[in-house]
Amino acid sequence: MTTHHPIAVVGGGLGGLTLARVLHVHGIEAAVLDLDDSPAARTQGGMLDIHEETGQQALRAAGLHEEFLTLVHHGGQSMRVVGKDAVIRMDRPDDGSGGRPEVDRGRLRDLLLGSLPEGTVRWGTKVNGARPLGGGRHEVTLADGTAFTTDLLIGADGAWSKVRSLVSDAQPAYVGVSFIEADLPDADVRHPVSAELVGGGSLFALGAGRGILCHRESDGSVHAYVALQVPELTLAGVDFTDTEAARAFVLEYFTDWDKSLRGLVADAEGPLMPRLIHALPVGHRWDRVPGVTLLGDAAHLMSPFAGEGANLAMFDGSELGLALAAHPGDTEAALAAYEEKLFPRGERSAAESAQNGLMMFRDDAPQGLIDMIRSHD
């Protein structure tokens, strides 16, 4: 007999878990399907700044805001901006008054997971595809050869969503920027120059067509993202399994930068990890399709230069959960109400992210970022 889930959420990231939690608060059960074998199958990334108007609102809707506050990395909202000479152009301390506290992504995910009933997340469940059955129902096929049916299918499955094809032909495209990630663990002891340079929060070291973006993590390490405006295939020609060769490749882009900034790459421990930045078209939307919708990156994948990705995924999840709770027995009315606000919200943030990505690496960098920050004062 084929398994049936009234509500199936594909993807157990922050957005999918927030949706499941808000639904649970309102007495609605959902099944969350995640391809990882367990919550500990892989690391969950570094620090996130959780915005008052989106991510924190979602946590309030989930009844988890007070617990979230206990996870905040105090001092993490401090920020420095420098040019390639490492001279500090802007230095903003964390006085506790900011609306975007930093938290470790893994701890935030654990908070959401721990708030759900046992068995809500089906681990090791990889979705291969889905097809409509009529009347808003869908059949979802899994990698193990099994399938299930659902009355409501929600794609919270990220950039390369399997669910998206049910509503849209859009595919993510390279935005012209590639990241190379590097780590400096136990920075105060093992990398004191870098630790002093970065401080307790974030560092933006920017130049024309390149930059090094860093943040201090709650365990005392420094995580760096080297940003390069390069053609899409550039990093494909680099063997990142050869860490020293990869390091030499990256440092060639920073030959005229201050030694302390080069040290963020030269002294990094462990492998360097390449990541090409992709985005869906700004303003991505679709016509209402019965019984299916998207949230987070599946709906509006954007570059990271507005810091909105995780925040919007959580907010999308909470808004969808609230819409479903407000329209009991009328899923289509709930989805229409949700998408009516989802599309303009995603478009605004995606446009801002795209504009920031161009602004940050202008020929006069870091002046563009400094001007933008001051314009919000």
Foldseek 3Di string as FASTA:
>chain_A
DFAEWQAEEEDLALLSLLLQLLLVVLVHAYAYEYQAQDLVSDADDFKAFAAQVFQLVSCVSSVRNVVVVVQFQQFAPWEFEAELQLDTPDTGTCPPPDRTTMGTRSVSSVSSVVSHDPNSYDYNWAWDAWDDPPPQKIWTATPVGGIHIYNAYEYAPAQQTRQLVVFDPWHWDFLQKKKKKFKAPLCVPRPVLLCVSQDAHWYWYAAAQWTKIWTQGSRRMIMIITMGRDDPCPCVPFDQVPQVSVLVVSCVVSVPGDPSVNCRSVVTDDTIHMDTAIWTPQLDDGPDDRRYDYFANSGTRAGCLVSCRSRRSSRLSSQLSVLCSVDPPCNSSSVVVSRVVSRVVSNVVRVVRSVSVDQQNHNPPPVSVVVVVVVVD
